[in-house]
Amino acid sequence: MGLFLFPNSIPSGGAGGLAVLLNYWFPINIGLALWIVNFSFLLLGVKYLGKRFTLWTLLSITVTSVSIDMFETYLHVPERHLFIDLIVGSLFLGTGIGILMRNNVSNGGVGVVAVMISHKRGILPGKPLFYMNVAIFILTALVISVEILLLAFISQWISTKVVDIIYSVEFQRPYYYAFRRKR
């Protein structure tokens, strides 16, 4: 997000959109703003989600926020290509969120609410995540710039499809077959 999406002002999701708004209204960097938003949503889900989920999600949001701050500060891409950044950033975003959700951990933000809805309704988390993010994107676009709305929708579409693929694909564990007895 810090290397591909945020430099192009593309919110990475609902929490990213809210972080962009915080950054727009107050003089704080995106990494800290994202941590504040993610932590706030995490507090909403602490009772429902349990200690393990909460602790791993807290670690996840902290690592994400520090990484974003480091990428924005120390890595600079000399020639930016908006659509390449959009696609690559969205693929990385969806892969990371999908891996976290598959392991019953969240990236924080509206992902916490999406996991709660997913478990309660027995559905994949990508769809509720998409709808909540869309509402925040519209708010962000109305406040900051309508131009980012299409880019945010494309990013969310790509990343939520990747989340669902990562979340639902069954992986064979190679060590399982190595210890099976022949009959």
N, C-alpha and C. Protein backbone atom coordinates (compact mmCIF):
# COMPACT_ATOMS: atom_id res chain seq x y z
N MET A 1 0.82 -1.19 0.00
CA MET A 1 0.00 0.00 0.00
C MET A 1 0.87 1.25 0.00
N GLY A 2 1.89 1.24 0.84
CA GLY A 2 2.76 2.41 0.94
C GLY A 2 3.63 2.62 -0.27
N LEU A 3 3.88 1.57 -1.03
CA LEU A 3 4.74 1.69 -2.21
C LEU A 3 3.94 1.89 -3.50
N PHE A 4 2.75 1.28 -3.59
CA PHE A 4 2.00 1.32 -4.85
C PHE A 4 0.71 2.13 -4.79
N LEU A 5 -0.06 2.02 -3.73
CA LEU A 5 -1.38 2.64 -3.70
C LEU A 5 -1.38 4.05 -3.12
N PHE A 6 -0.87 4.23 -1.91
CA PHE A 6 -0.93 5.54 -1.26
C PHE A 6 -0.18 6.65 -2.01
N PRO A 7 0.96 6.37 -2.65
CA PRO A 7 1.59 7.46 -3.41
C PRO A 7 0.72 7.99 -4.55
N ASN A 8 -0.24 7.18 -5.00
CA ASN A 8 -1.17 7.62 -6.04
C ASN A 8 -2.50 8.07 -5.44
N SER A 9 -2.55 8.24 -4.13
CA SER A 9 -3.75 8.64 -3.40
C SER A 9 -4.91 7.67 -3.59
N ILE A 10 -4.60 6.37 -3.73
CA ILE A 10 -5.63 5.35 -3.87
C ILE A 10 -5.83 4.72 -2.49
N PRO A 11 -7.01 4.89 -1.88
CA PRO A 11 -7.24 4.25 -0.59
C PRO A 11 -7.25 2.74 -0.76
N SER A 12 -6.60 2.04 0.14
CA SER A 12 -6.47 0.59 0.04
C SER A 12 -7.71 -0.15 0.52
N GLY A 13 -8.58 0.53 1.17
CA GLY A 13 -9.80 -0.08 1.70
C GLY A 13 -10.52 0.93 2.55
N GLY A 14 -11.45 0.44 3.34
CA GLY A 14 -12.21 1.33 4.19
C GLY A 14 -11.34 2.05 5.20
N ALA A 15 -10.47 1.28 5.87
CA ALA A 15 -9.56 1.89 6.83
C ALA A 15 -8.58 2.83 6.11
N GLY A 16 -8.15 2.43 4.92
CA GLY A 16 -7.27 3.28 4.13
C GLY A 16 -7.96 4.58 3.74
N GLY A 17 -9.23 4.49 3.38
CA GLY A 17 -10.00 5.69 3.04
C GLY A 17 -10.15 6.60 4.24
N LEU A 18 -10.43 6.01 5.40
CA LEU A 18 -10.55 6.82 6.61
C LEU A 18 -9.19 7.41 7.01
N ALA A 19 -8.11 6.65 6.79
CA ALA A 19 -6.76 7.17 7.07
C ALA A 19 -6.43 8.33 6.14
N VAL A 20 -6.82 8.23 4.88
CA VAL A 20 -6.61 9.33 3.93
C VAL A 20 -7.38 10.56 4.40
N LEU A 21 -8.60 10.36 4.90
CA LEU A 21 -9.38 11.48 5.43
C LEU A 21 -8.70 12.10 6.65
N LEU A 22 -8.21 11.26 7.58
CA LEU A 22 -7.50 11.79 8.75
C LEU A 22 -6.27 12.58 8.33
N ASN A 23 -5.55 12.05 7.36
CA ASN A 23 -4.36 12.73 6.84
C ASN A 23 -4.74 14.06 6.18
N TYR A 24 -5.88 14.09 5.54
CA TYR A 24 -6.37 15.29 4.86
C TYR A 24 -6.76 16.37 5.88
N TRP A 25 -7.42 15.95 6.97
CA TRP A 25 -7.91 16.89 7.96
C TRP A 25 -6.87 17.29 9.00
N PHE A 26 -5.95 16.38 9.33
CA PHE A 26 -4.96 16.62 10.39
C PHE A 26 -3.56 16.35 9.84
N PRO A 27 -2.55 17.02 10.38
CA PRO A 27 -1.18 16.82 9.88
C PRO A 27 -0.50 15.57 10.47
N ILE A 28 -1.04 14.39 10.17
CA ILE A 28 -0.40 13.15 10.60
C ILE A 28 -0.13 12.28 9.37
N ASN A 29 0.91 11.46 9.47
CA ASN A 29 1.25 10.63 8.31
C ASN A 29 0.24 9.48 8.15
N ILE A 30 0.21 8.90 6.96
CA ILE A 30 -0.76 7.85 6.63
C ILE A 30 -0.57 6.62 7.51
N GLY A 31 0.68 6.24 7.81
CA GLY A 31 0.93 5.06 8.63
C GLY A 31 0.29 5.18 10.00
N LEU A 32 0.48 6.32 10.65
CA LEU A 32 -0.12 6.53 11.97
C LEU A 32 -1.64 6.62 11.87
N ALA A 33 -2.13 7.33 10.86
CA ALA A 33 -3.58 7.45 10.68
C ALA A 33 -4.22 6.07 10.47
N LEU A 34 -3.55 5.22 9.69
CA LEU A 34 -4.07 3.89 9.44
C LEU A 34 -4.09 3.06 10.72
N TRP A 35 -3.05 3.20 11.54
CA TRP A 35 -3.00 2.48 12.80
C TRP A 35 -4.15 2.91 13.71
N ILE A 36 -4.41 4.20 13.79
CA ILE A 36 -5.49 4.73 14.63
C ILE A 36 -6.84 4.17 14.18
N VAL A 37 -7.09 4.20 12.89
CA VAL A 37 -8.36 3.69 12.36
C VAL A 37 -8.49 2.19 12.62
N ASN A 38 -7.44 1.43 12.28
CA ASN A 38 -7.48 -0.02 12.48
C ASN A 38 -7.67 -0.39 13.94
N PHE A 39 -6.96 0.29 14.82
CA PHE A 39 -7.06 0.01 16.25
C PHE A 39 -8.47 0.31 16.75
N SER A 40 -9.07 1.38 16.26
CA SER A 40 -10.44 1.74 16.66
C SER A 40 -11.43 0.65 16.28
N PHE A 41 -11.33 0.13 15.06
CA PHE A 41 -12.21 -0.96 14.65
C PHE A 41 -11.93 -2.24 15.43
N LEU A 42 -10.67 -2.46 15.75
CA LEU A 42 -10.31 -3.65 16.53
C LEU A 42 -10.96 -3.60 17.92
N LEU A 43 -11.00 -2.43 18.52
CA LEU A 43 -11.64 -2.30 19.82
C LEU A 43 -13.12 -2.69 19.76
N LEU A 44 -13.77 -2.42 18.62
CA LEU A 44 -15.17 -2.80 18.46
C LEU A 44 -15.36 -4.32 18.52
N GLY A 45 -14.37 -5.04 18.00
CA GLY A 45 -14.52 -6.48 17.89
C GLY A 45 -13.84 -7.32 18.94
N VAL A 46 -13.19 -6.70 19.93
CA VAL A 46 -12.40 -7.45 20.91
C VAL A 46 -13.24 -8.51 21.62
N LYS A 47 -14.41 -8.16 22.10
CA LYS A 47 -15.24 -9.10 22.86
C LYS A 47 -15.68 -10.26 21.98
N TYR A 48 -16.04 -9.98 20.74
CA TYR A 48 -16.53 -11.01 19.83
C TYR A 48 -15.40 -11.90 19.31
N LEU A 49 -14.26 -11.31 19.02
CA LEU A 49 -13.20 -12.00 18.30
C LEU A 49 -12.29 -12.86 19.16
N GLY A 50 -12.15 -12.55 20.43
CA GLY A 50 -11.29 -13.34 21.30
C GLY A 50 -9.87 -12.80 21.38
N LYS A 51 -9.15 -13.32 22.37
CA LYS A 51 -7.81 -12.81 22.66
C LYS A 51 -6.81 -13.10 21.54
N ARG A 52 -6.80 -14.34 21.04
CA ARG A 52 -5.83 -14.72 20.01
C ARG A 52 -5.99 -13.85 18.76
N PHE A 53 -7.21 -13.76 18.28
CA PHE A 53 -7.51 -12.96 17.09
C PHE A 53 -7.11 -11.51 17.32
N THR A 54 -7.46 -10.98 18.48
CA THR A 54 -7.18 -9.58 18.78
C THR A 54 -5.68 -9.32 18.84
N LEU A 55 -4.94 -10.19 19.51
CA LEU A 55 -3.49 -9.98 19.63
C LEU A 55 -2.79 -10.07 18.27
N TRP A 56 -3.15 -11.09 17.47
CA TRP A 56 -2.53 -11.22 16.16
C TRP A 56 -2.92 -10.07 15.24
N THR A 57 -4.15 -9.61 15.35
CA THR A 57 -4.59 -8.47 14.54
C THR A 57 -3.87 -7.21 14.97
N LEU A 58 -3.68 -7.02 16.27
CA LEU A 58 -2.92 -5.86 16.76
C LEU A 58 -1.50 -5.89 16.20
N LEU A 59 -0.88 -7.07 16.21
CA LEU A 59 0.45 -7.20 15.61
C LEU A 59 0.40 -6.87 14.12
N SER A 60 -0.60 -7.38 13.44
CA SER A 60 -0.75 -7.16 12.01
C SER A 60 -0.90 -5.67 11.67
N ILE A 61 -1.76 -4.96 12.41
CA ILE A 61 -1.97 -3.55 12.09
C ILE A 61 -0.73 -2.72 12.43
N THR A 62 -0.01 -3.13 13.46
CA THR A 62 1.21 -2.40 13.82
C THR A 62 2.29 -2.60 12.77
N VAL A 63 2.50 -3.85 12.33
CA VAL A 63 3.50 -4.13 11.30
C VAL A 63 3.12 -3.42 10.00
N THR A 64 1.84 -3.45 9.65
CA THR A 64 1.38 -2.78 8.43
C THR A 64 1.64 -1.29 8.49
N SER A 65 1.28 -0.65 9.58
CA SER A 65 1.45 0.79 9.71
C SER A 65 2.92 1.21 9.70
N VAL A 66 3.75 0.47 10.40
CA VAL A 66 5.19 0.76 10.40
C VAL A 66 5.77 0.54 9.00
N SER A 67 5.36 -0.54 8.33
CA SER A 67 5.84 -0.81 6.98
C SER A 67 5.44 0.29 6.01
N ILE A 68 4.21 0.73 6.09
CA ILE A 68 3.74 1.81 5.20
C ILE A 68 4.57 3.06 5.43
N ASP A 69 4.80 3.40 6.69
CA ASP A 69 5.60 4.58 6.99
C ASP A 69 7.01 4.44 6.44
N MET A 70 7.61 3.25 6.59
CA MET A 70 8.96 3.03 6.07
C MET A 70 9.00 3.07 4.55
N PHE A 71 8.03 2.42 3.88
CA PHE A 71 8.00 2.43 2.43
C PHE A 71 7.84 3.85 1.89
N GLU A 72 6.96 4.62 2.51
CA GLU A 72 6.74 5.99 2.04
C GLU A 72 7.96 6.87 2.29
N THR A 73 8.69 6.59 3.36
CA THR A 73 9.84 7.41 3.72
C THR A 73 11.10 7.05 2.94
N TYR A 74 11.37 5.74 2.78
CA TYR A 74 12.67 5.33 2.27
C TYR A 74 12.68 4.79 0.84
N LEU A 75 11.56 4.36 0.31
CA LEU A 75 11.54 3.83 -1.05
C LEU A 75 10.79 4.78 -1.98
N HIS A 76 11.45 5.15 -3.03
CA HIS A 76 10.81 6.04 -4.00
C HIS A 76 10.94 5.42 -5.39
N VAL A 77 9.83 5.33 -6.08
CA VAL A 77 9.83 4.82 -7.45
C VAL A 77 9.97 6.03 -8.37
N PRO A 78 11.05 6.07 -9.17
CA PRO A 78 11.31 7.27 -9.98
C PRO A 78 10.26 7.51 -11.07
N GLU A 79 9.80 6.46 -11.72
CA GLU A 79 8.81 6.60 -12.77
C GLU A 79 7.57 5.82 -12.38
N ARG A 80 6.50 6.51 -12.09
CA ARG A 80 5.27 5.86 -11.66
C ARG A 80 4.37 5.61 -12.86
N HIS A 81 3.73 4.45 -12.86
CA HIS A 81 2.73 4.11 -13.86
C HIS A 81 1.47 3.76 -13.08
N LEU A 82 0.48 4.62 -13.14
CA LEU A 82 -0.70 4.52 -12.31
C LEU A 82 -1.36 3.15 -12.35
N PHE A 83 -1.62 2.62 -13.55
CA PHE A 83 -2.35 1.35 -13.63
C PHE A 83 -1.50 0.15 -13.21
N ILE A 84 -0.21 0.21 -13.43
CA ILE A 84 0.67 -0.86 -12.94
C ILE A 84 0.70 -0.82 -11.41
N ASP A 85 0.84 0.37 -10.85
CA ASP A 85 0.81 0.52 -9.39
C ASP A 85 -0.52 0.03 -8.83
N LEU A 86 -1.61 0.37 -9.51
CA LEU A 86 -2.94 -0.04 -9.07
C LEU A 86 -3.07 -1.56 -9.04
N ILE A 87 -2.66 -2.22 -10.10
CA ILE A 87 -2.80 -3.68 -10.20
C ILE A 87 -1.87 -4.39 -9.22
N VAL A 88 -0.60 -4.03 -9.22
CA VAL A 88 0.37 -4.69 -8.34
C VAL A 88 0.02 -4.44 -6.87
N GLY A 89 -0.30 -3.20 -6.53
CA GLY A 89 -0.67 -2.88 -5.16
C GLY A 89 -1.91 -3.64 -4.71
N SER A 90 -2.89 -3.76 -5.58
CA SER A 90 -4.13 -4.47 -5.25
C SER A 90 -3.89 -5.97 -5.10
N LEU A 91 -3.02 -6.55 -5.92
CA LEU A 91 -2.70 -7.97 -5.79
C LEU A 91 -1.99 -8.25 -4.46
N PHE A 92 -1.02 -7.40 -4.12
CA PHE A 92 -0.34 -7.56 -2.83
C PHE A 92 -1.31 -7.37 -1.67
N LEU A 93 -2.16 -6.36 -1.77
CA LEU A 93 -3.14 -6.09 -0.72
C LEU A 93 -4.06 -7.28 -0.51
N GLY A 94 -4.65 -7.80 -1.57
CA GLY A 94 -5.57 -8.93 -1.47
C GLY A 94 -4.89 -10.19 -0.96
N THR A 95 -3.66 -10.43 -1.40
CA THR A 95 -2.91 -11.60 -0.93
C THR A 95 -2.65 -11.51 0.57
N GLY A 96 -2.21 -10.36 1.02
CA GLY A 96 -1.94 -10.19 2.44
C GLY A 96 -3.18 -10.33 3.30
N ILE A 97 -4.27 -9.69 2.90
CA ILE A 97 -5.51 -9.78 3.66
C ILE A 97 -6.05 -11.22 3.63
N GLY A 98 -5.98 -11.86 2.47
CA GLY A 98 -6.46 -13.25 2.35
C GLY A 98 -5.69 -14.20 3.24
N ILE A 99 -4.37 -14.06 3.29
CA ILE A 99 -3.55 -14.92 4.15
C ILE A 99 -3.89 -14.68 5.62
N LEU A 100 -4.06 -13.43 6.00
CA LEU A 100 -4.42 -13.13 7.38
C LEU A 100 -5.78 -13.73 7.73
N MET A 101 -6.78 -13.50 6.87
CA MET A 101 -8.13 -14.01 7.16
C MET A 101 -8.17 -15.53 7.16
N ARG A 102 -7.40 -16.15 6.30
CA ARG A 102 -7.35 -17.62 6.25
C ARG A 102 -6.82 -18.19 7.56
N ASN A 103 -5.97 -17.43 8.22
CA ASN A 103 -5.39 -17.85 9.49
C ASN A 103 -6.15 -17.28 10.68
N ASN A 104 -7.36 -16.83 10.41
CA ASN A 104 -8.25 -16.28 11.44
C ASN A 104 -7.66 -15.06 12.12
N VAL A 105 -6.99 -14.24 11.33
CA VAL A 105 -6.44 -12.98 11.77
C VAL A 105 -6.92 -11.94 10.77
N SER A 106 -7.00 -10.72 11.18
CA SER A 106 -7.46 -9.67 10.28
C SER A 106 -6.40 -8.61 10.11
N ASN A 107 -6.55 -7.83 9.08
CA ASN A 107 -5.69 -6.67 8.88
C ASN A 107 -6.24 -5.48 9.64
N GLY A 108 -7.25 -5.70 10.46
CA GLY A 108 -7.87 -4.62 11.23
C GLY A 108 -8.91 -3.91 10.39
N GLY A 109 -9.21 -2.71 10.78
CA GLY A 109 -10.16 -1.90 10.04
C GLY A 109 -11.50 -2.59 9.84
N VAL A 110 -12.09 -2.34 8.68
CA VAL A 110 -13.39 -2.94 8.40
C VAL A 110 -13.25 -4.44 8.18
N GLY A 111 -12.03 -4.94 8.04
CA GLY A 111 -11.81 -6.38 7.96
C GLY A 111 -12.29 -7.10 9.21
N VAL A 112 -12.17 -6.45 10.36
CA VAL A 112 -12.67 -7.02 11.61
C VAL A 112 -14.18 -7.22 11.51
N VAL A 113 -14.87 -6.19 11.05
CA VAL A 113 -16.33 -6.27 10.90
C VAL A 113 -16.69 -7.31 9.83
N ALA A 114 -15.91 -7.38 8.74
CA ALA A 114 -16.17 -8.36 7.68
C ALA A 114 -16.03 -9.78 8.19
N VAL A 115 -15.03 -10.04 9.03
CA VAL A 115 -14.86 -11.38 9.60
C VAL A 115 -16.03 -11.71 10.53
N MET A 116 -16.49 -10.73 11.31
CA MET A 116 -17.63 -10.96 12.20
C MET A 116 -18.87 -11.31 11.39
N ILE A 117 -19.11 -10.57 10.31
CA ILE A 117 -20.26 -10.85 9.44
C ILE A 117 -20.09 -12.20 8.76
N SER A 118 -18.88 -12.49 8.29
CA SER A 118 -18.58 -13.74 7.61
C SER A 118 -18.90 -14.94 8.50
N HIS A 119 -18.45 -14.90 9.74
CA HIS A 119 -18.69 -16.00 10.67
C HIS A 119 -20.17 -16.11 11.03
N LYS A 120 -20.82 -14.99 11.23
CA LYS A 120 -22.22 -15.00 11.64
C LYS A 120 -23.14 -15.51 10.53
N ARG A 121 -22.86 -15.13 9.28
CA ARG A 121 -23.73 -15.51 8.17
C ARG A 121 -23.24 -16.71 7.38
N GLY A 122 -22.04 -17.20 7.66
CA GLY A 122 -21.49 -18.35 6.95
C GLY A 122 -21.17 -18.04 5.49
N ILE A 123 -20.64 -16.85 5.23
CA ILE A 123 -20.28 -16.44 3.87
C ILE A 123 -18.80 -16.08 3.83
N LEU A 124 -18.28 -15.97 2.61
CA LEU A 124 -16.90 -15.51 2.46
C LEU A 124 -16.81 -14.04 2.86
N PRO A 125 -15.66 -13.61 3.39
CA PRO A 125 -15.55 -12.24 3.89
C PRO A 125 -15.40 -11.17 2.81
N GLY A 126 -15.13 -11.55 1.59
CA GLY A 126 -14.87 -10.56 0.54
C GLY A 126 -16.05 -9.66 0.23
N LYS A 127 -17.25 -10.22 0.21
CA LYS A 127 -18.43 -9.42 -0.15
C LYS A 127 -18.77 -8.35 0.89
N PRO A 128 -18.88 -8.69 2.19
CA PRO A 128 -19.16 -7.62 3.16
C PRO A 128 -18.02 -6.60 3.22
N LEU A 129 -16.80 -7.07 3.04
CA LEU A 129 -15.65 -6.17 3.02
C LEU A 129 -15.78 -5.17 1.87
N PHE A 130 -16.18 -5.66 0.71
CA PHE A 130 -16.33 -4.80 -0.46
C PHE A 130 -17.40 -3.73 -0.22
N TYR A 131 -18.57 -4.12 0.28
CA TYR A 131 -19.66 -3.17 0.46
C TYR A 131 -19.34 -2.09 1.50
N MET A 132 -18.70 -2.47 2.58
CA MET A 132 -18.32 -1.47 3.59
C MET A 132 -17.27 -0.51 3.03
N ASN A 133 -16.32 -1.07 2.28
CA ASN A 133 -15.29 -0.22 1.70
C ASN A 133 -15.88 0.76 0.70
N VAL A 134 -16.85 0.32 -0.09
CA VAL A 134 -17.48 1.19 -1.08
C VAL A 134 -18.11 2.41 -0.39
N ALA A 135 -18.80 2.19 0.71
CA ALA A 135 -19.42 3.30 1.44
C ALA A 135 -18.37 4.32 1.89
N ILE A 136 -17.25 3.82 2.38
CA ILE A 136 -16.18 4.73 2.83
C ILE A 136 -15.51 5.42 1.64
N PHE A 137 -15.37 4.72 0.52
CA PHE A 137 -14.79 5.35 -0.68
C PHE A 137 -15.65 6.51 -1.16
N ILE A 138 -16.95 6.33 -1.12
CA ILE A 138 -17.84 7.40 -1.56
C ILE A 138 -17.69 8.61 -0.65
N LEU A 139 -17.62 8.38 0.65
CA LEU A 139 -17.40 9.47 1.59
C LEU A 139 -16.07 10.17 1.31
N THR A 140 -15.00 9.38 1.13
CA THR A 140 -13.68 9.93 0.85
C THR A 140 -13.68 10.74 -0.44
N ALA A 141 -14.34 10.22 -1.46
CA ALA A 141 -14.40 10.92 -2.75
C ALA A 141 -15.18 12.23 -2.63
N LEU A 142 -16.24 12.24 -1.85
CA LEU A 142 -17.02 13.46 -1.67
C LEU A 142 -16.23 14.54 -0.93
N VAL A 143 -15.40 14.11 0.02
CA VAL A 143 -14.63 15.06 0.82
C VAL A 143 -13.37 15.52 0.08
N ILE A 144 -12.64 14.59 -0.54
CA ILE A 144 -11.32 14.91 -1.10
C ILE A 144 -11.37 15.11 -2.61
N SER A 145 -11.71 14.05 -3.35
CA SER A 145 -11.69 14.13 -4.81
C SER A 145 -12.46 12.97 -5.41
N VAL A 146 -13.33 13.29 -6.32
CA VAL A 146 -14.13 12.26 -6.99
C VAL A 146 -13.24 11.40 -7.90
N GLU A 147 -12.11 11.94 -8.32
CA GLU A 147 -11.22 11.23 -9.26
C GLU A 147 -10.69 9.91 -8.69
N ILE A 148 -10.51 9.84 -7.37
CA ILE A 148 -9.95 8.60 -6.79
C ILE A 148 -10.98 7.50 -6.66
N LEU A 149 -12.24 7.81 -6.84
CA LEU A 149 -13.30 6.84 -6.62
C LEU A 149 -13.18 5.63 -7.54
N LEU A 150 -12.99 5.84 -8.82
CA LEU A 150 -12.87 4.73 -9.77
C LEU A 150 -11.63 3.88 -9.46
N LEU A 151 -10.53 4.52 -9.16
CA LEU A 151 -9.31 3.78 -8.83
C LEU A 151 -9.49 2.94 -7.56
N ALA A 152 -10.17 3.50 -6.57
CA ALA A 152 -10.42 2.77 -5.33
C ALA A 152 -11.34 1.57 -5.59
N PHE A 153 -12.36 1.74 -6.44
CA PHE A 153 -13.25 0.62 -6.78
C PHE A 153 -12.50 -0.49 -7.50
N ILE A 154 -11.66 -0.13 -8.43
CA ILE A 154 -10.88 -1.14 -9.16
C ILE A 154 -9.96 -1.89 -8.20
N SER A 155 -9.30 -1.14 -7.34
CA SER A 155 -8.40 -1.76 -6.36
C SER A 155 -9.16 -2.71 -5.45
N GLN A 156 -10.32 -2.30 -4.98
CA GLN A 156 -11.11 -3.15 -4.11
C GLN A 156 -11.63 -4.38 -4.83
N TRP A 157 -12.04 -4.23 -6.05
CA TRP A 157 -12.53 -5.38 -6.81
C TRP A 157 -11.43 -6.42 -6.96
N ILE A 158 -10.24 -5.97 -7.37
CA ILE A 158 -9.11 -6.89 -7.54
C ILE A 158 -8.74 -7.53 -6.20
N SER A 159 -8.57 -6.71 -5.17
CA SER A 159 -8.09 -7.26 -3.89
C SER A 159 -9.12 -8.17 -3.23
N THR A 160 -10.42 -7.86 -3.32
CA THR A 160 -11.40 -8.74 -2.69
C THR A 160 -11.54 -10.06 -3.45
N LYS A 161 -11.34 -10.05 -4.76
CA LYS A 161 -11.34 -11.32 -5.51
C LYS A 161 -10.16 -12.18 -5.06
N VAL A 162 -9.01 -11.55 -4.87
CA VAL A 162 -7.83 -12.28 -4.39
C VAL A 162 -8.07 -12.78 -2.97
N VAL A 163 -8.70 -11.98 -2.10
CA VAL A 163 -9.03 -12.42 -0.74
C VAL A 163 -9.87 -13.68 -0.79
N ASP A 164 -10.92 -13.69 -1.60
CA ASP A 164 -11.79 -14.87 -1.69
C ASP A 164 -11.05 -16.09 -2.23
N ILE A 165 -10.17 -15.89 -3.20
CA ILE A 165 -9.40 -17.02 -3.75
C ILE A 165 -8.48 -17.59 -2.67
N ILE A 166 -7.72 -16.73 -2.01
CA ILE A 166 -6.80 -17.18 -0.97
C ILE A 166 -7.58 -17.84 0.17
N TYR A 167 -8.71 -17.27 0.55
CA TYR A 167 -9.50 -17.77 1.67
C TYR A 167 -10.14 -19.13 1.38
N SER A 168 -10.51 -19.37 0.13
CA SER A 168 -11.28 -20.58 -0.16
C SER A 168 -10.50 -21.70 -0.84
N VAL A 169 -9.32 -21.46 -1.34
CA VAL A 169 -8.55 -22.50 -2.02
C VAL A 169 -8.03 -23.51 -1.00
N GLU A 170 -8.17 -24.78 -1.35
CA GLU A 170 -7.66 -25.85 -0.49
C GLU A 170 -6.24 -26.19 -0.92
N PHE A 171 -5.32 -26.14 0.02
CA PHE A 171 -3.93 -26.46 -0.26
C PHE A 171 -3.63 -27.86 0.26
N GLN A 172 -2.95 -28.66 -0.54
CA GLN A 172 -2.51 -29.98 -0.08
C GLN A 172 -1.21 -29.80 0.68
N ARG A 173 -1.12 -30.48 1.78
CA ARG A 173 0.10 -30.40 2.58
C ARG A 173 1.00 -31.57 2.18
N PRO A 174 2.17 -31.26 1.65
CA PRO A 174 3.03 -32.33 1.15
C PRO A 174 3.46 -33.33 2.21
N TYR A 175 3.65 -32.89 3.45
CA TYR A 175 4.11 -33.80 4.49
C TYR A 175 3.04 -34.83 4.85
N TYR A 176 1.80 -34.56 4.59
CA TYR A 176 0.71 -35.49 4.91
C TYR A 176 0.90 -36.80 4.17
N TYR A 177 1.25 -36.74 2.92
CA TYR A 177 1.40 -37.95 2.11
C TYR A 177 2.68 -38.71 2.44
N ALA A 178 3.67 -38.04 2.95
CA ALA A 178 4.94 -38.68 3.25
C ALA A 178 4.82 -39.68 4.41
N PHE A 179 3.85 -39.50 5.29
CA PHE A 179 3.73 -40.34 6.47
C PHE A 179 2.55 -41.31 6.39
N ARG A 180 1.90 -41.38 5.28
CA ARG A 180 0.77 -42.32 5.15
C ARG A 180 1.32 -43.74 4.98
N ARG A 181 0.65 -44.68 5.58
CA ARG A 181 1.04 -46.08 5.42
C ARG A 181 0.41 -46.65 4.19
N LYS A 182 1.17 -47.48 3.53
CA LYS A 182 0.62 -48.18 2.35
C LYS A 182 -0.15 -49.40 2.82
N ARG A 183 -1.24 -49.69 2.12
CA ARG A 183 -2.05 -50.85 2.50
C ARG A 183 -1.98 -51.90 1.46
